[in-house]
Amino acid sequence: MSLRPILTWPDPVLRKVCAPATGALGALVDDLFDTMYAAPGRGLAAPQIGVALRVFVIDCGWKEGAPAPLACINPEILAASEALAGGEEACLSIPGVAAEVLRPAEITLRFLDREGAVRERHLTGIEAKCAQHELDHLDGKVIFDRLPRDAAERLETTYRAALPIR
């Protein structure tokens, strides 16, 4: 288990559609959790640490003292509610940026757990929002992609202006 550097936008790995994950993934899952908790975040996807595989972790309750860690390997949304829920989202890969993003309020997610067993979970509230955010990373999307074009361009311009000169 180790902490990994978190890639920041506009690193090209964050735009990649990730490959299905196979093989032993326990160390990767452990590293994702360790890095997420240290950041401190509520979710982290493998491409955010430079690994272009379909793996993410979330824990939406740990900051409130109710840890509920969930590792999702090769996740897919089976069903999503028509009802949408808004809320501000931030991203460990786009530090200092937060945006109001609308997403389905509830989803049913199928995934493999860290032991390789197929699982299905009905997620609501912050868990549904967080899982969808992390799943976007596996498809090469970030919060800018979930905003109207003009809002995304303004937010990204502000973000880029704040980056250190390289």
N, C-alpha and C. Protein backbone atom coordinates (compact mmCIF):
# COMPACT_ATOMS: atom_id res chain seq x y z
N MET A 1 0.84 -1.17 0.00
CA MET A 1 0.00 0.00 0.00
C MET A 1 0.89 1.24 0.00
N SER A 2 0.53 2.16 -0.90
CA SER A 2 1.31 3.39 -0.95
C SER A 2 0.46 4.52 -1.51
N LEU A 3 0.93 5.73 -1.19
CA LEU A 3 0.30 6.91 -1.74
C LEU A 3 0.85 7.14 -3.14
N ARG A 4 -0.04 7.46 -4.05
CA ARG A 4 0.38 7.72 -5.43
C ARG A 4 0.11 9.19 -5.74
N PRO A 5 0.91 9.78 -6.62
CA PRO A 5 0.62 11.15 -7.04
C PRO A 5 -0.70 11.17 -7.82
N ILE A 6 -1.48 12.22 -7.59
CA ILE A 6 -2.74 12.39 -8.32
C ILE A 6 -2.48 13.29 -9.53
N LEU A 7 -2.82 12.79 -10.70
CA LEU A 7 -2.65 13.57 -11.93
C LEU A 7 -3.62 14.74 -11.92
N THR A 8 -3.19 15.85 -12.49
CA THR A 8 -4.07 17.01 -12.58
C THR A 8 -4.34 17.36 -14.03
N TRP A 9 -5.50 17.93 -14.23
CA TRP A 9 -5.95 18.40 -15.54
C TRP A 9 -4.95 19.44 -16.03
N PRO A 10 -4.53 19.40 -17.27
CA PRO A 10 -5.03 18.63 -18.40
C PRO A 10 -4.18 17.41 -18.78
N ASP A 11 -3.72 16.64 -17.82
CA ASP A 11 -2.93 15.45 -18.13
C ASP A 11 -3.71 14.57 -19.11
N PRO A 12 -3.08 14.12 -20.22
CA PRO A 12 -3.79 13.35 -21.24
C PRO A 12 -4.36 12.02 -20.75
N VAL A 13 -3.81 11.44 -19.70
CA VAL A 13 -4.36 10.18 -19.17
C VAL A 13 -5.81 10.38 -18.72
N LEU A 14 -6.14 11.59 -18.27
CA LEU A 14 -7.50 11.86 -17.79
C LEU A 14 -8.53 11.89 -18.92
N ARG A 15 -8.08 11.89 -20.17
CA ARG A 15 -8.98 11.86 -21.32
C ARG A 15 -9.11 10.47 -21.94
N LYS A 16 -8.37 9.51 -21.41
CA LYS A 16 -8.40 8.16 -21.98
C LYS A 16 -9.63 7.38 -21.51
N VAL A 17 -10.22 6.61 -22.43
CA VAL A 17 -11.22 5.63 -22.05
C VAL A 17 -10.43 4.42 -21.55
N CYS A 18 -10.70 4.03 -20.33
CA CYS A 18 -9.89 2.99 -19.68
C CYS A 18 -10.24 1.59 -20.16
N ALA A 19 -9.25 0.73 -20.13
CA ALA A 19 -9.41 -0.67 -20.51
C ALA A 19 -10.03 -1.46 -19.35
N PRO A 20 -10.74 -2.54 -19.67
CA PRO A 20 -11.25 -3.39 -18.60
C PRO A 20 -10.09 -3.89 -17.73
N ALA A 21 -10.34 -3.99 -16.44
CA ALA A 21 -9.33 -4.44 -15.49
C ALA A 21 -9.40 -5.96 -15.33
N THR A 22 -8.23 -6.59 -15.33
CA THR A 22 -8.14 -8.04 -15.12
C THR A 22 -6.97 -8.31 -14.19
N GLY A 23 -6.93 -9.54 -13.70
CA GLY A 23 -5.79 -9.95 -12.88
C GLY A 23 -5.91 -9.50 -11.43
N ALA A 24 -4.80 -9.57 -10.73
CA ALA A 24 -4.74 -9.20 -9.32
C ALA A 24 -4.77 -7.68 -9.19
N LEU A 25 -5.78 -7.17 -8.50
CA LEU A 25 -5.97 -5.73 -8.40
C LEU A 25 -5.97 -5.22 -6.96
N GLY A 26 -5.71 -6.11 -6.01
CA GLY A 26 -5.75 -5.73 -4.60
C GLY A 26 -4.82 -4.59 -4.25
N ALA A 27 -3.59 -4.61 -4.77
CA ALA A 27 -2.63 -3.55 -4.47
C ALA A 27 -3.09 -2.22 -5.05
N LEU A 28 -3.64 -2.25 -6.27
CA LEU A 28 -4.16 -1.02 -6.88
C LEU A 28 -5.31 -0.46 -6.06
N VAL A 29 -6.24 -1.31 -5.64
CA VAL A 29 -7.37 -0.86 -4.83
C VAL A 29 -6.87 -0.26 -3.51
N ASP A 30 -5.91 -0.91 -2.88
CA ASP A 30 -5.35 -0.38 -1.63
C ASP A 30 -4.71 0.99 -1.85
N ASP A 31 -3.95 1.11 -2.94
CA ASP A 31 -3.30 2.39 -3.25
C ASP A 31 -4.34 3.47 -3.51
N LEU A 32 -5.42 3.12 -4.21
CA LEU A 32 -6.48 4.10 -4.46
C LEU A 32 -7.10 4.59 -3.16
N PHE A 33 -7.43 3.66 -2.27
CA PHE A 33 -8.01 4.07 -0.98
C PHE A 33 -7.02 4.92 -0.18
N ASP A 34 -5.77 4.48 -0.08
CA ASP A 34 -4.77 5.24 0.69
C ASP A 34 -4.61 6.65 0.14
N THR A 35 -4.54 6.76 -1.18
CA THR A 35 -4.35 8.06 -1.82
C THR A 35 -5.59 8.93 -1.66
N MET A 36 -6.76 8.34 -1.80
CA MET A 36 -8.02 9.08 -1.65
C MET A 36 -8.15 9.64 -0.24
N TYR A 37 -7.93 8.81 0.77
CA TYR A 37 -8.07 9.26 2.16
C TYR A 37 -7.05 10.36 2.49
N ALA A 38 -5.84 10.24 1.94
CA ALA A 38 -4.80 11.23 2.23
C ALA A 38 -5.07 12.56 1.53
N ALA A 39 -5.84 12.53 0.44
CA ALA A 39 -6.01 13.73 -0.39
C ALA A 39 -6.69 14.93 0.29
N PRO A 40 -7.68 14.92 1.08
CA PRO A 40 -8.66 13.87 1.38
C PRO A 40 -9.87 14.00 0.45
N GLY A 41 -10.28 12.88 -0.13
CA GLY A 41 -11.42 12.89 -1.04
C GLY A 41 -12.45 11.86 -0.67
N ARG A 42 -13.51 11.82 -1.46
CA ARG A 42 -14.58 10.83 -1.26
C ARG A 42 -14.56 9.76 -2.35
N GLY A 43 -13.77 9.98 -3.39
CA GLY A 43 -13.67 9.01 -4.47
C GLY A 43 -12.39 9.24 -5.25
N LEU A 44 -11.93 8.19 -5.90
CA LEU A 44 -10.73 8.28 -6.73
C LEU A 44 -10.78 7.16 -7.76
N ALA A 45 -10.46 7.51 -9.00
CA ALA A 45 -10.45 6.53 -10.09
C ALA A 45 -9.02 6.24 -10.51
N ALA A 46 -8.79 5.02 -10.99
CA ALA A 46 -7.44 4.60 -11.38
C ALA A 46 -6.75 5.56 -12.34
N PRO A 47 -7.42 6.11 -13.35
CA PRO A 47 -6.69 7.01 -14.23
C PRO A 47 -6.17 8.27 -13.52
N GLN A 48 -6.77 8.63 -12.41
CA GLN A 48 -6.30 9.80 -11.67
C GLN A 48 -4.92 9.57 -11.03
N ILE A 49 -4.53 8.29 -10.93
CA ILE A 49 -3.18 7.99 -10.46
C ILE A 49 -2.34 7.39 -11.59
N GLY A 50 -2.78 7.61 -12.83
CA GLY A 50 -2.00 7.21 -13.99
C GLY A 50 -2.19 5.79 -14.46
N VAL A 51 -3.22 5.10 -13.96
CA VAL A 51 -3.48 3.71 -14.35
C VAL A 51 -4.77 3.67 -15.15
N ALA A 52 -4.67 3.42 -16.45
CA ALA A 52 -5.83 3.49 -17.34
C ALA A 52 -6.63 2.18 -17.33
N LEU A 53 -7.11 1.81 -16.15
CA LEU A 53 -7.95 0.62 -15.98
C LEU A 53 -9.27 1.03 -15.35
N ARG A 54 -10.32 0.23 -15.58
CA ARG A 54 -11.67 0.55 -15.11
C ARG A 54 -11.84 0.14 -13.64
N VAL A 55 -11.27 0.95 -12.77
CA VAL A 55 -11.33 0.72 -11.32
C VAL A 55 -11.53 2.06 -10.64
N PHE A 56 -12.46 2.11 -9.67
CA PHE A 56 -12.55 3.28 -8.82
C PHE A 56 -12.92 2.86 -7.41
N VAL A 57 -12.67 3.76 -6.48
CA VAL A 57 -13.07 3.56 -5.09
C VAL A 57 -13.84 4.79 -4.62
N ILE A 58 -14.78 4.57 -3.72
CA ILE A 58 -15.49 5.67 -3.08
C ILE A 58 -15.67 5.34 -1.60
N ASP A 59 -15.80 6.38 -0.82
CA ASP A 59 -16.19 6.26 0.58
C ASP A 59 -16.84 7.60 0.95
N CYS A 60 -18.15 7.63 0.85
CA CYS A 60 -18.88 8.89 1.01
C CYS A 60 -19.19 9.22 2.46
N GLY A 61 -18.90 8.33 3.38
CA GLY A 61 -19.23 8.58 4.78
C GLY A 61 -18.06 8.78 5.71
N TRP A 62 -16.85 8.53 5.25
CA TRP A 62 -15.71 8.54 6.17
C TRP A 62 -15.45 9.90 6.79
N LYS A 63 -15.72 10.97 6.07
CA LYS A 63 -15.46 12.31 6.62
C LYS A 63 -16.42 12.66 7.75
N GLU A 64 -17.57 11.98 7.78
CA GLU A 64 -18.56 12.20 8.84
C GLU A 64 -18.48 11.14 9.93
N GLY A 65 -17.46 10.29 9.87
CA GLY A 65 -17.28 9.28 10.90
C GLY A 65 -18.05 7.99 10.65
N ALA A 66 -18.58 7.81 9.44
CA ALA A 66 -19.32 6.59 9.09
C ALA A 66 -18.71 5.98 7.83
N PRO A 67 -17.51 5.40 7.94
CA PRO A 67 -16.86 4.87 6.75
C PRO A 67 -17.68 3.78 6.06
N ALA A 68 -17.68 3.85 4.72
CA ALA A 68 -18.37 2.86 3.91
C ALA A 68 -17.58 2.67 2.61
N PRO A 69 -16.36 2.12 2.72
CA PRO A 69 -15.52 1.99 1.52
C PRO A 69 -16.12 1.02 0.51
N LEU A 70 -16.03 1.40 -0.76
CA LEU A 70 -16.56 0.56 -1.84
C LEU A 70 -15.58 0.61 -3.00
N ALA A 71 -15.07 -0.55 -3.39
CA ALA A 71 -14.19 -0.67 -4.56
C ALA A 71 -15.00 -1.24 -5.71
N CYS A 72 -14.90 -0.61 -6.87
CA CYS A 72 -15.67 -1.02 -8.04
C CYS A 72 -14.73 -1.29 -9.21
N ILE A 73 -14.75 -2.51 -9.68
CA ILE A 73 -13.91 -2.94 -10.80
C ILE A 73 -14.83 -3.22 -11.99
N ASN A 74 -14.49 -2.65 -13.13
CA ASN A 74 -15.28 -2.78 -14.35
C ASN A 74 -16.76 -2.43 -14.11
N PRO A 75 -17.02 -1.27 -13.51
CA PRO A 75 -18.41 -0.91 -13.19
C PRO A 75 -19.21 -0.53 -14.42
N GLU A 76 -20.51 -0.76 -14.32
CA GLU A 76 -21.43 -0.31 -15.36
C GLU A 76 -22.76 0.05 -14.71
N ILE A 77 -23.36 1.09 -15.22
CA ILE A 77 -24.67 1.51 -14.72
C ILE A 77 -25.73 0.70 -15.45
N LEU A 78 -26.53 -0.04 -14.69
CA LEU A 78 -27.60 -0.85 -15.26
C LEU A 78 -28.88 -0.05 -15.42
N ALA A 79 -29.12 0.87 -14.49
CA ALA A 79 -30.34 1.68 -14.52
C ALA A 79 -30.04 3.01 -13.85
N ALA A 80 -30.70 4.05 -14.34
CA ALA A 80 -30.56 5.39 -13.76
C ALA A 80 -31.94 6.03 -13.70
N SER A 81 -32.20 6.72 -12.62
CA SER A 81 -33.49 7.37 -12.47
C SER A 81 -33.64 8.51 -13.46
N GLU A 82 -34.90 8.80 -13.80
CA GLU A 82 -35.15 9.98 -14.62
C GLU A 82 -35.00 11.25 -13.79
N ALA A 83 -35.27 11.14 -12.51
CA ALA A 83 -35.12 12.29 -11.62
C ALA A 83 -33.65 12.65 -11.50
N LEU A 84 -33.37 13.93 -11.58
CA LEU A 84 -32.00 14.42 -11.48
C LEU A 84 -31.77 15.08 -10.13
N ALA A 85 -30.55 15.04 -9.68
CA ALA A 85 -30.15 15.72 -8.45
C ALA A 85 -28.97 16.61 -8.77
N GLY A 86 -29.03 17.82 -8.27
CA GLY A 86 -27.92 18.74 -8.45
C GLY A 86 -27.00 18.69 -7.25
N GLY A 87 -26.01 19.48 -7.31
CA GLY A 87 -25.08 19.57 -6.20
C GLY A 87 -23.70 19.93 -6.71
N GLU A 88 -22.96 20.59 -5.85
CA GLU A 88 -21.62 21.00 -6.23
C GLU A 88 -20.70 19.79 -6.22
N GLU A 89 -19.89 19.68 -7.27
CA GLU A 89 -18.89 18.62 -7.36
C GLU A 89 -17.51 19.26 -7.48
N ALA A 90 -16.57 18.64 -6.83
CA ALA A 90 -15.17 19.02 -6.97
C ALA A 90 -14.42 17.77 -7.41
N CYS A 91 -13.16 17.95 -7.78
CA CYS A 91 -12.38 16.82 -8.29
C CYS A 91 -10.94 16.95 -7.84
N LEU A 92 -10.39 15.86 -7.34
CA LEU A 92 -9.00 15.87 -6.89
C LEU A 92 -8.03 16.16 -8.04
N SER A 93 -8.45 15.90 -9.28
CA SER A 93 -7.60 16.15 -10.43
C SER A 93 -7.76 17.56 -10.99
N ILE A 94 -8.71 18.31 -10.46
CA ILE A 94 -8.91 19.70 -10.89
C ILE A 94 -9.01 20.55 -9.63
N PRO A 95 -7.90 20.67 -8.90
CA PRO A 95 -7.93 21.35 -7.61
C PRO A 95 -8.40 22.80 -7.72
N GLY A 96 -9.21 23.19 -6.74
CA GLY A 96 -9.70 24.56 -6.69
C GLY A 96 -10.93 24.82 -7.53
N VAL A 97 -11.43 23.81 -8.23
CA VAL A 97 -12.60 23.98 -9.09
C VAL A 97 -13.77 23.19 -8.52
N ALA A 98 -14.91 23.83 -8.45
CA ALA A 98 -16.15 23.16 -8.07
C ALA A 98 -17.24 23.68 -9.00
N ALA A 99 -18.18 22.81 -9.35
CA ALA A 99 -19.25 23.20 -10.26
C ALA A 99 -20.53 22.45 -9.90
N GLU A 100 -21.63 23.09 -10.17
CA GLU A 100 -22.95 22.48 -9.99
C GLU A 100 -23.17 21.52 -11.17
N VAL A 101 -23.36 20.23 -10.85
CA VAL A 101 -23.54 19.20 -11.87
C VAL A 101 -24.84 18.46 -11.60
N LEU A 102 -25.66 18.30 -12.63
CA LEU A 102 -26.88 17.51 -12.53
C LEU A 102 -26.59 16.08 -12.98
N ARG A 103 -27.06 15.12 -12.17
CA ARG A 103 -26.89 13.71 -12.49
C ARG A 103 -28.14 12.95 -12.06
N PRO A 104 -28.35 11.74 -12.58
CA PRO A 104 -29.46 10.94 -12.06
C PRO A 104 -29.35 10.79 -10.54
N ALA A 105 -30.47 10.92 -9.86
CA ALA A 105 -30.49 10.88 -8.40
C ALA A 105 -30.23 9.48 -7.86
N GLU A 106 -30.56 8.46 -8.64
CA GLU A 106 -30.37 7.07 -8.22
C GLU A 106 -29.83 6.26 -9.40
N ILE A 107 -28.98 5.30 -9.08
CA ILE A 107 -28.47 4.39 -10.11
C ILE A 107 -28.40 2.97 -9.54
N THR A 108 -28.40 2.01 -10.43
CA THR A 108 -28.07 0.64 -10.07
C THR A 108 -26.76 0.33 -10.77
N LEU A 109 -25.77 -0.04 -9.98
CA LEU A 109 -24.42 -0.25 -10.47
C LEU A 109 -24.05 -1.72 -10.35
N ARG A 110 -23.52 -2.27 -11.44
CA ARG A 110 -22.95 -3.63 -11.41
C ARG A 110 -21.44 -3.49 -11.52
N PHE A 111 -20.72 -4.27 -10.73
CA PHE A 111 -19.26 -4.18 -10.70
C PHE A 111 -18.69 -5.46 -10.11
N LEU A 112 -17.41 -5.63 -10.23
CA LEU A 112 -16.70 -6.70 -9.53
C LEU A 112 -16.12 -6.09 -8.26
N ASP A 113 -16.18 -6.84 -7.16
CA ASP A 113 -15.53 -6.37 -5.94
C ASP A 113 -14.06 -6.78 -5.98
N ARG A 114 -13.31 -6.43 -4.96
CA ARG A 114 -11.87 -6.69 -4.98
C ARG A 114 -11.52 -8.18 -5.04
N GLU A 115 -12.46 -9.04 -4.65
CA GLU A 115 -12.24 -10.50 -4.74
C GLU A 115 -12.69 -11.06 -6.08
N GLY A 116 -13.27 -10.23 -6.95
CA GLY A 116 -13.71 -10.68 -8.26
C GLY A 116 -15.16 -11.13 -8.32
N ALA A 117 -15.90 -10.99 -7.23
CA ALA A 117 -17.32 -11.38 -7.23
C ALA A 117 -18.16 -10.28 -7.88
N VAL A 118 -19.16 -10.69 -8.66
CA VAL A 118 -20.07 -9.74 -9.29
C VAL A 118 -21.03 -9.22 -8.23
N ARG A 119 -21.17 -7.92 -8.18
CA ARG A 119 -22.07 -7.26 -7.22
C ARG A 119 -22.98 -6.29 -7.96
N GLU A 120 -24.14 -6.05 -7.37
CA GLU A 120 -25.03 -4.99 -7.83
C GLU A 120 -25.44 -4.20 -6.62
N ARG A 121 -25.43 -2.86 -6.76
CA ARG A 121 -25.84 -1.99 -5.66
C ARG A 121 -26.72 -0.89 -6.19
N HIS A 122 -27.78 -0.62 -5.45
CA HIS A 122 -28.63 0.53 -5.74
C HIS A 122 -28.07 1.69 -4.93
N LEU A 123 -27.66 2.74 -5.61
CA LEU A 123 -27.04 3.88 -4.94
C LEU A 123 -27.93 5.12 -5.07
N THR A 124 -27.99 5.88 -3.99
CA THR A 124 -28.77 7.12 -3.97
C THR A 124 -27.92 8.22 -3.36
N GLY A 125 -28.40 9.44 -3.47
CA GLY A 125 -27.75 10.57 -2.82
C GLY A 125 -26.30 10.74 -3.23
N ILE A 126 -25.48 11.07 -2.24
CA ILE A 126 -24.07 11.36 -2.50
C ILE A 126 -23.33 10.13 -3.07
N GLU A 127 -23.75 8.91 -2.68
CA GLU A 127 -23.10 7.72 -3.24
C GLU A 127 -23.35 7.61 -4.74
N ALA A 128 -24.59 7.88 -5.17
CA ALA A 128 -24.91 7.83 -6.60
C ALA A 128 -24.11 8.88 -7.35
N LYS A 129 -24.06 10.09 -6.81
CA LYS A 129 -23.34 11.20 -7.45
C LYS A 129 -21.85 10.87 -7.54
N CYS A 130 -21.28 10.39 -6.46
CA CYS A 130 -19.85 10.10 -6.41
C CYS A 130 -19.49 8.96 -7.38
N ALA A 131 -20.29 7.90 -7.39
CA ALA A 131 -20.02 6.78 -8.30
C ALA A 131 -20.08 7.23 -9.75
N GLN A 132 -21.05 8.08 -10.10
CA GLN A 132 -21.15 8.57 -11.47
C GLN A 132 -19.96 9.45 -11.83
N HIS A 133 -19.52 10.27 -10.89
CA HIS A 133 -18.35 11.14 -11.11
C HIS A 133 -17.12 10.27 -11.39
N GLU A 134 -16.91 9.25 -10.58
CA GLU A 134 -15.74 8.39 -10.76
C GLU A 134 -15.86 7.57 -12.05
N LEU A 135 -17.05 7.11 -12.38
CA LEU A 135 -17.26 6.37 -13.62
C LEU A 135 -16.95 7.25 -14.83
N ASP A 136 -17.27 8.54 -14.73
CA ASP A 136 -16.90 9.46 -15.81
C ASP A 136 -15.39 9.42 -16.06
N HIS A 137 -14.59 9.38 -15.00
CA HIS A 137 -13.14 9.32 -15.17
C HIS A 137 -12.73 8.09 -15.97
N LEU A 138 -13.42 6.98 -15.79
CA LEU A 138 -13.08 5.76 -16.52
C LEU A 138 -13.40 5.88 -18.00
N ASP A 139 -14.28 6.84 -18.34
CA ASP A 139 -14.66 7.10 -19.73
C ASP A 139 -13.97 8.33 -20.30
N GLY A 140 -12.95 8.84 -19.59
CA GLY A 140 -12.19 9.97 -20.08
C GLY A 140 -12.90 11.31 -19.96
N LYS A 141 -13.84 11.39 -19.02
CA LYS A 141 -14.60 12.63 -18.83
C LYS A 141 -14.29 13.25 -17.47
N VAL A 142 -14.40 14.57 -17.42
CA VAL A 142 -14.22 15.32 -16.17
C VAL A 142 -15.42 16.25 -16.01
N ILE A 143 -15.49 16.96 -14.89
CA ILE A 143 -16.68 17.78 -14.63
C ILE A 143 -16.91 18.84 -15.71
N PHE A 144 -15.87 19.31 -16.38
CA PHE A 144 -16.07 20.27 -17.46
C PHE A 144 -17.01 19.71 -18.53
N ASP A 145 -16.96 18.40 -18.74
CA ASP A 145 -17.79 17.75 -19.77
C ASP A 145 -19.26 17.67 -19.38
N ARG A 146 -19.57 17.91 -18.13
CA ARG A 146 -20.95 17.82 -17.63
C ARG A 146 -21.63 19.19 -17.54
N LEU A 147 -20.94 20.22 -18.00
CA LEU A 147 -21.46 21.58 -17.92
C LEU A 147 -21.82 22.10 -19.31
N PRO A 148 -22.72 23.09 -19.36
CA PRO A 148 -22.94 23.75 -20.66
C PRO A 148 -21.61 24.31 -21.18
N ARG A 149 -21.45 24.32 -22.49
CA ARG A 149 -20.17 24.69 -23.11
C ARG A 149 -19.63 26.02 -22.59
N ASP A 150 -20.45 27.06 -22.52
CA ASP A 150 -19.94 28.37 -22.10
C ASP A 150 -19.48 28.34 -20.64
N ALA A 151 -20.22 27.66 -19.78
CA ALA A 151 -19.83 27.57 -18.36
C ALA A 151 -18.54 26.76 -18.22
N ALA A 152 -18.43 25.67 -18.98
CA ALA A 152 -17.22 24.85 -18.92
C ALA A 152 -16.00 25.63 -19.40
N GLU A 153 -16.16 26.38 -20.49
CA GLU A 153 -15.03 27.16 -21.01
C GLU A 153 -14.59 28.23 -20.01
N ARG A 154 -15.54 28.91 -19.38
CA ARG A 154 -15.19 29.93 -18.37
C ARG A 154 -14.45 29.31 -17.20
N LEU A 155 -14.98 28.19 -16.71
CA LEU A 155 -14.38 27.53 -15.55
C LEU A 155 -12.99 26.99 -15.88
N GLU A 156 -12.85 26.39 -17.06
CA GLU A 156 -11.55 25.86 -17.44
C GLU A 156 -10.54 26.98 -17.67
N THR A 157 -10.97 28.09 -18.25
CA THR A 157 -10.07 29.23 -18.45
C THR A 157 -9.58 29.76 -17.11
N THR A 158 -10.48 29.87 -16.14
CA THR A 158 -10.10 30.32 -14.80
C THR A 158 -9.12 29.35 -14.17
N TYR A 159 -9.39 28.05 -14.31
CA TYR A 159 -8.50 27.02 -13.76
C TYR A 159 -7.12 27.11 -14.39
N ARG A 160 -7.06 27.18 -15.72
CA ARG A 160 -5.76 27.21 -16.42
C ARG A 160 -4.97 28.46 -16.06
N ALA A 161 -5.67 29.58 -15.86
CA ALA A 161 -4.99 30.84 -15.52
C ALA A 161 -4.32 30.73 -14.15
N ALA A 162 -4.88 29.89 -13.28
CA ALA A 162 -4.32 29.74 -11.93
C ALA A 162 -3.19 28.72 -11.87
N LEU A 163 -2.95 27.97 -12.95
CA LEU A 163 -1.88 26.97 -12.96
C LEU A 163 -0.52 27.65 -12.92
N PRO A 164 0.43 27.02 -12.25
CA PRO A 164 1.79 27.57 -12.29
C PRO A 164 2.34 27.48 -13.71
N ILE A 165 3.17 28.42 -14.08
CA ILE A 165 3.77 28.41 -15.41
C ILE A 165 4.79 27.28 -15.47
N ARG A 166 4.70 26.49 -16.53
CA ARG A 166 5.60 25.34 -16.67
C ARG A 166 6.59 25.60 -17.78
